[in-house]
Protein backbone atom coordinates (compact mmCIF):
# COMPACT_ATOMS: atom_id res chain seq x y z
CA MET A 1 -64.46 -21.89 19.97
CA MET A 2 -61.19 -23.41 19.49
CA PHE A 3 -60.25 -21.22 17.07
CA SER A 4 -61.22 -18.34 18.34
CA LYS A 5 -59.31 -18.86 21.34
CA ARG A 6 -56.17 -19.64 18.90
CA THR A 7 -56.59 -16.21 17.56
CA LYS A 8 -57.13 -14.63 20.44
CA GLU A 9 -53.27 -15.76 21.66
CA HIS A 10 -50.59 -13.78 20.87
CA LYS A 11 -47.09 -14.96 19.76
CA PRO A 12 -44.24 -13.86 22.17
CA PHE A 13 -41.91 -11.01 21.07
CA PRO A 14 -38.96 -12.57 19.57
CA TRP A 15 -36.28 -11.24 22.41
CA HIS A 16 -33.53 -13.36 20.96
CA LEU A 17 -33.46 -10.93 17.56
CA TRP A 18 -31.97 -8.77 19.64
CA VAL A 19 -28.90 -10.98 20.87
CA PHE A 20 -28.14 -11.10 17.24
CA LEU A 21 -29.03 -7.75 15.96
CA GLY A 22 -28.07 -5.68 18.75
CA PRO A 23 -24.36 -5.82 19.27
CA GLY A 24 -24.06 -4.80 15.32
CA LEU A 25 -26.90 -2.04 16.10
CA LEU A 26 -25.11 -0.86 18.54
CA ILE A 27 -21.66 -0.78 16.87
CA TYR A 28 -23.16 1.21 14.00
CA LEU A 29 -25.08 3.84 15.91
CA THR A 30 -21.99 4.65 17.70
CA PHE A 31 -19.41 4.86 15.17
CA SER A 32 -21.28 5.93 12.15
CA VAL A 33 -24.82 7.58 13.32
CA TYR A 34 -24.06 9.55 16.15
CA PRO A 35 -20.45 10.90 14.30
CA LEU A 36 -22.57 11.68 11.64
CA LEU A 37 -25.55 13.84 13.12
CA ASP A 38 -22.58 15.45 15.82
CA THR A 39 -20.90 16.76 12.73
CA LEU A 40 -24.46 18.28 11.00
CA ILE A 41 -24.79 19.91 14.62
CA LEU A 42 -21.53 20.90 14.81
CA SER A 43 -22.00 22.63 11.49
CA LEU A 44 -24.27 24.94 12.62
CA TYR A 45 -22.22 26.49 15.25
CA GLU A 46 -19.06 29.13 15.48
CA GLU A 47 -16.34 29.05 17.95
CA GLN A 48 -16.34 32.72 19.54
CA ALA A 49 -13.74 33.17 22.73
CA GLY A 50 -13.68 29.24 23.35
CA GLN A 51 -17.63 28.98 23.41
CA SER A 52 -19.80 28.08 20.82
CA GLU A 53 -22.51 29.73 19.11
CA PHE A 54 -25.64 28.87 16.65
CA VAL A 55 -24.89 30.55 13.84
CA GLY A 56 -27.51 28.51 11.49
CA LEU A 57 -26.01 28.58 8.08
CA LYS A 58 -23.66 30.85 8.07
CA ASN A 59 -20.54 28.56 8.16
CA PHE A 60 -22.08 27.08 4.42
CA ILE A 61 -22.41 30.98 3.51
CA THR A 62 -18.98 31.86 4.38
CA LEU A 63 -17.50 28.34 2.55
CA VAL A 64 -18.92 28.95 -0.47
CA THR A 65 -19.10 33.45 -0.75
CA ASP A 66 -16.46 34.46 1.22
CA GLU A 67 -13.55 35.37 -0.92
CA ASN A 68 -10.81 33.73 2.13
CA TRP A 69 -13.11 30.04 1.30
CA SER A 70 -14.45 29.96 -1.82
CA SER A 71 -11.45 30.10 -3.99
CA ALA A 72 -10.08 26.77 -2.03
CA PHE A 73 -13.61 25.32 -1.61
CA TRP A 74 -14.45 25.33 -5.53
CA ASN A 75 -10.99 24.84 -6.33
CA ALA A 76 -11.03 21.74 -4.32
CA LEU A 77 -14.81 20.60 -5.80
CA SER A 78 -13.29 20.76 -9.39
CA ASN A 79 -10.30 18.76 -9.09
CA ASN A 80 -12.75 16.33 -7.45
CA LEU A 81 -14.74 16.31 -10.29
CA GLN A 82 -12.16 16.20 -12.46
CA PHE A 83 -10.75 13.22 -10.33
CA PHE A 84 -13.87 11.41 -10.55
CA ALA A 85 -14.34 12.03 -14.45
CA PHE A 86 -11.15 10.05 -15.08
CA HIS A 87 -11.99 7.37 -13.28
CA MET A 88 -15.53 6.62 -14.94
CA LEU A 89 -13.44 7.81 -18.24
CA LEU A 90 -10.45 5.27 -17.64
CA GLN A 91 -10.64 2.94 -15.00
CA ASN A 92 -13.98 1.45 -15.40
CA PRO A 93 -13.76 0.68 -19.23
CA ILE A 94 -10.33 -1.03 -18.53
CA GLY A 95 -11.97 -2.98 -15.63
CA LEU A 96 -14.78 -3.79 -17.92
CA LEU A 97 -12.29 -4.75 -20.91
CA LEU A 98 -10.32 -6.89 -18.30
CA ALA A 99 -13.24 -8.53 -17.39
CA VAL A 100 -14.11 -9.93 -20.75
CA LEU A 101 -10.61 -10.57 -21.51
CA LEU A 102 -9.95 -12.70 -18.34
CA SER A 103 -13.40 -14.20 -18.86
CA SER A 104 -12.71 -15.53 -22.19
CA PRO A 105 -12.42 -20.25 -21.86
CA LYS A 106 -9.42 -19.35 -24.47
CA LEU A 107 -7.05 -17.38 -22.31
CA ARG A 108 -4.80 -19.35 -20.40
CA LEU A 109 -3.23 -18.32 -17.05
CA ALA A 110 -6.42 -16.05 -16.92
CA SER A 111 -6.13 -16.78 -12.76
CA SER A 112 -2.60 -15.73 -12.72
CA TYR A 113 -3.25 -12.26 -14.25
CA ARG A 114 -6.10 -11.80 -12.07
CA THR A 115 -4.49 -12.28 -8.98
CA LEU A 116 -1.46 -9.85 -10.56
CA ILE A 117 -3.89 -7.22 -11.73
CA PHE A 118 -5.80 -7.47 -8.34
CA MET A 119 -3.09 -7.17 -5.98
CA PRO A 120 -2.56 -3.40 -5.84
CA THR A 121 -5.67 -2.86 -4.76
CA MET A 122 -5.09 -5.19 -1.54
CA LEU A 123 -1.38 -2.77 -0.89
CA SER A 124 -1.81 0.13 1.18
CA VAL A 125 -2.60 3.70 -0.79
CA VAL A 126 0.58 5.11 1.46
CA ILE A 127 2.87 2.54 0.21
CA ILE A 128 1.73 3.21 -3.22
CA GLY A 129 1.79 6.44 -3.17
CA PHE A 130 5.47 6.67 -1.74
CA VAL A 131 6.81 3.90 -4.49
CA TRP A 132 5.11 5.75 -7.16
CA GLN A 133 6.84 8.99 -5.89
CA LEU A 134 9.93 7.54 -6.06
CA ILE A 135 9.65 5.94 -9.39
CA LEU A 136 8.53 9.37 -10.89
CA SER A 137 11.26 11.18 -9.14
CA PRO A 138 13.48 13.47 -11.29
CA ILE A 139 16.17 12.78 -9.36
CA TRP A 140 16.33 9.34 -8.30
CA GLY A 141 13.50 7.95 -10.41
CA ILE A 142 13.82 4.88 -12.77
CA SER A 143 11.01 6.22 -14.82
CA GLU A 144 13.25 8.58 -16.62
CA GLU A 145 16.20 6.00 -17.45
CA PHE A 146 13.48 3.52 -18.62
CA LEU A 147 11.74 6.17 -21.14
CA TYR A 148 14.84 6.74 -22.61
CA SER A 149 15.31 3.03 -23.04
CA ILE A 150 12.66 2.71 -25.17
CA GLY A 151 13.00 5.69 -27.22
CA LEU A 152 10.41 8.06 -25.45
CA GLY A 153 13.00 9.78 -23.22
CA GLN A 154 11.87 12.95 -24.68
CA TYR A 155 8.75 12.92 -23.05
CA PHE A 156 9.87 12.76 -19.26
CA ASP A 157 8.82 15.24 -17.15
CA ALA A 158 8.73 15.83 -13.73
CA TRP A 159 4.58 15.33 -13.69
CA LEU A 160 4.01 15.27 -10.17
CA GLY A 161 5.70 18.91 -9.80
CA LYS A 162 3.72 20.63 -12.41
CA GLU A 163 0.26 22.49 -11.94
CA GLY A 164 -0.88 21.12 -15.32
CA SER A 165 -0.05 17.18 -14.66
CA ALA A 166 0.20 16.36 -10.85
CA LEU A 167 -3.67 15.32 -10.86
CA VAL A 168 -3.61 13.81 -14.18
CA THR A 169 -0.74 11.61 -12.81
CA LEU A 170 -1.96 11.07 -9.37
CA SER A 171 -5.19 9.62 -11.17
CA PHE A 172 -3.29 7.48 -13.28
CA ILE A 173 -1.54 5.87 -10.20
CA SER A 174 -5.18 5.55 -8.22
CA VAL A 175 -6.42 3.92 -11.39
CA TRP A 176 -3.85 1.81 -11.72
CA GLN A 177 -4.14 0.62 -8.33
CA PHE A 178 -7.82 0.35 -7.82
CA VAL A 179 -8.86 -1.08 -11.55
CA GLY A 180 -9.05 -4.59 -10.33
CA ILE A 181 -11.97 -3.81 -8.24
CA PRO A 182 -14.41 -3.03 -11.43
CA MET A 183 -12.52 -5.59 -13.01
CA MET A 184 -13.35 -8.52 -10.65
CA LEU A 185 -17.27 -7.25 -10.06
CA ILE A 186 -17.72 -7.52 -13.53
CA TYR A 187 -16.21 -10.76 -14.11
CA ALA A 188 -17.86 -12.11 -11.73
CA THR A 189 -21.26 -10.75 -13.24
CA LEU A 190 -19.73 -12.23 -16.35
CA LEU A 191 -19.46 -15.75 -15.14
CA ASN A 192 -22.79 -16.02 -13.88
CA ILE A 193 -24.29 -15.87 -17.25
CA PRO A 194 -25.51 -19.23 -18.22
CA ASP A 195 -23.60 -20.71 -20.80
CA ASP A 196 -27.09 -21.99 -22.64
CA ILE A 197 -27.48 -17.85 -23.64
CA ILE A 198 -24.32 -17.61 -25.13
CA ASP A 199 -24.18 -20.93 -27.17
CA ALA A 200 -27.68 -20.18 -28.27
CA SER A 201 -26.51 -16.68 -29.64
CA THR A 202 -23.38 -18.77 -31.29
CA VAL A 203 -25.91 -21.14 -33.01
CA ASP A 204 -27.91 -17.93 -34.32
CA GLY A 205 -24.60 -16.78 -36.06
CA ALA A 206 -23.48 -14.06 -33.65
CA SER A 207 -19.94 -12.99 -33.71
CA PRO A 208 -18.38 -12.53 -30.30
CA MET A 209 -18.41 -8.94 -30.88
CA GLN A 210 -22.57 -8.98 -31.49
CA THR A 211 -22.77 -11.55 -28.54
CA PHE A 212 -21.09 -9.29 -26.19
CA PHE A 213 -23.12 -6.13 -27.13
CA HIS A 214 -26.36 -7.47 -27.46
CA ILE A 215 -26.46 -10.31 -24.71
CA LYS A 216 -23.74 -9.63 -22.10
CA LEU A 217 -23.46 -5.95 -22.02
CA PRO A 218 -27.21 -5.71 -21.44
CA LEU A 219 -27.07 -8.68 -18.34
CA ILE A 220 -24.00 -6.72 -16.44
CA LEU A 221 -25.44 -3.17 -16.90
CA PRO A 222 -26.60 -3.79 -13.33
CA THR A 223 -23.24 -4.38 -12.05
CA ILE A 224 -21.58 -1.54 -14.40
CA ALA A 225 -24.23 0.90 -12.55
CA MET A 226 -22.93 -0.49 -9.02
CA VAL A 227 -19.57 0.08 -10.13
CA SER A 228 -19.81 3.62 -11.04
CA ILE A 229 -22.14 4.67 -7.68
CA LEU A 230 -18.98 3.07 -5.50
CA THR A 231 -16.57 5.09 -7.94
CA PHE A 232 -18.41 8.17 -6.82
CA VAL A 233 -18.68 8.04 -3.65
CA ALA A 234 -14.84 6.56 -3.02
CA ASN A 235 -13.66 9.63 -5.29
CA PHE A 236 -15.35 12.11 -3.20
CA ASN A 237 -14.20 10.55 -0.30
CA ALA A 238 -10.64 10.27 -1.39
CA PHE A 239 -7.09 11.41 0.56
CA GLU A 240 -4.86 9.42 1.34
CA LEU A 241 -2.98 9.09 -1.82
CA ILE A 242 -2.88 13.21 -2.48
CA TYR A 243 -1.84 13.53 1.14
CA ALA A 244 0.92 10.54 0.94
CA VAL A 245 2.41 11.83 -2.31
CA LYS A 246 1.82 16.29 -2.13
CA GLY A 247 0.99 16.20 1.60
CA ALA A 248 -1.83 18.50 3.01
CA LEU A 249 -0.93 21.26 0.75
CA ALA A 250 -1.61 19.41 -2.16
CA GLY A 251 0.41 20.90 -4.16
CA PRO A 252 1.59 22.11 -6.50
CA ASN A 253 0.03 25.67 -5.36
CA PHE A 254 -3.25 23.65 -4.82
CA SER A 255 -3.79 22.05 -8.52
CA THR A 256 -4.09 18.76 -6.73
CA ASP A 257 -6.33 19.08 -3.81
CA LEU A 258 -9.36 17.93 -3.25
CA LEU A 259 -12.44 17.93 -0.91
CA GLY A 260 -10.67 15.22 1.73
CA THR A 261 -7.36 17.21 1.87
CA PHE A 262 -9.56 20.64 2.18
CA PHE A 263 -11.16 19.17 5.03
CA TYR A 264 -8.35 18.38 6.64
CA ARG A 265 -6.57 21.54 6.43
CA THR A 266 -9.85 23.23 7.89
CA PHE A 267 -10.44 20.80 10.61
CA PHE A 268 -7.25 20.43 11.84
CA GLY A 269 -5.04 23.20 10.38
CA PHE A 270 -1.59 23.28 8.76
CA GLN A 271 1.22 25.59 9.04
CA LEU A 272 -0.14 29.29 9.06
CA GLN A 273 -3.82 28.06 8.79
CA GLN A 274 -5.48 27.74 12.17
CA GLY A 275 -7.54 24.82 12.05
CA SER A 276 -11.63 25.28 13.06
CA SER A 277 -13.89 22.41 14.14
CA THR A 278 -17.12 24.11 13.08
CA MET A 279 -15.94 25.06 9.85
CA GLY A 280 -14.23 21.54 8.98
CA ALA A 281 -17.67 20.12 10.16
CA ALA A 282 -19.42 22.45 7.60
CA VAL A 283 -16.99 20.64 5.01
CA ALA A 284 -17.51 17.71 5.95
CA THR A 285 -21.05 18.17 5.81
CA LEU A 286 -21.11 19.49 2.23
CA MET A 287 -19.08 16.63 1.28
CA PHE A 288 -22.11 14.25 3.05
CA LEU A 289 -24.60 16.21 0.98
CA ILE A 290 -22.98 16.22 -2.58
CA ILE A 291 -22.48 12.47 -2.00
CA LEU A 292 -26.19 12.22 -0.97
CA VAL A 293 -27.36 13.95 -3.84
CA GLY A 294 -25.27 12.10 -6.42
CA VAL A 295 -26.49 8.81 -5.31
CA MET A 296 -29.98 10.35 -4.96
CA LEU A 297 -30.22 11.12 -8.64
CA PHE A 298 -28.41 8.04 -9.75
CA LEU A 299 -30.92 6.10 -8.17
CA PHE A 300 -33.83 8.01 -9.63
CA PHE A 301 -32.74 8.37 -12.66
CA ILE A 302 -30.41 5.83 -14.00
CA GLN A 303 -30.94 3.03 -11.60
CA ARG A 304 -34.88 2.66 -11.90
CA ARG A 305 -34.41 2.09 -15.79
CA ILE A 306 -32.08 -0.36 -15.71
CA GLN A 307 -33.28 -3.55 -16.60
CA ARG A 308 -32.46 -6.83 -14.57
CA PHE A 309 -32.55 -10.44 -15.89
CA GLN A 310 -32.75 -13.47 -13.20
CA PHE A 311 -31.16 -17.06 -14.46
């Protein structure tokens, strides 16, 4: 009888959980979920004579097919893909190389090198853009004189002022600033590998290169995958560096225009272009969908196949 009474008794609801979860949940719903849903809804309307009219997917169709909008959108998307590819092919491999070098016990002053490499990450993107704009200026910058001093003066050019080199130059600046993030993430994972595994490979006669490719690299693949997806999300949200160096027009001739700057001009307007909140919401929604699809494809086709090890 006592056992049956105990089974019928219900535990009181843990109301104290709301005390801890409530404030964080309220902030998340207010500043993340609500703006996202409001943007999605706004993208389905069109402003006419000061009033909003439901038009469904018309804004999206206009954005990708209308000659007044599609060329700018596809140009920004193409530049964004190039910007992302540049970071994937340069920033993350350099971060991996630096992490491997800094994790070597034979390297002296490793902590100092690690701090110096990571320091630009903590600086404002606006400050970084302004400083590099001064350095690379053909008028008062120091880059031309520096190149001449080392015998490479003939290669100097107004890289930020030419369509063919402006986006690449900005990509280099971005890589220089943020290479410390993949470096630190991979470095922390390398330090987490037990010394017993490394010692066993050394006893078995494995060279340092064999140890890295056959033992360390498989163990840090989940971290490299995480770094890749973080790079994808960050690059498709990029805005500050382009705006700080080249302005909202992302010149010359929109050669550095990314989806972030394209959204800024569409939503707020700039110079002769009139802003439109509904078209801007459509651009923001497409940015969200591109990031969402990219992350989902990565999780389903790559992340699930990566084998994880626990120590």
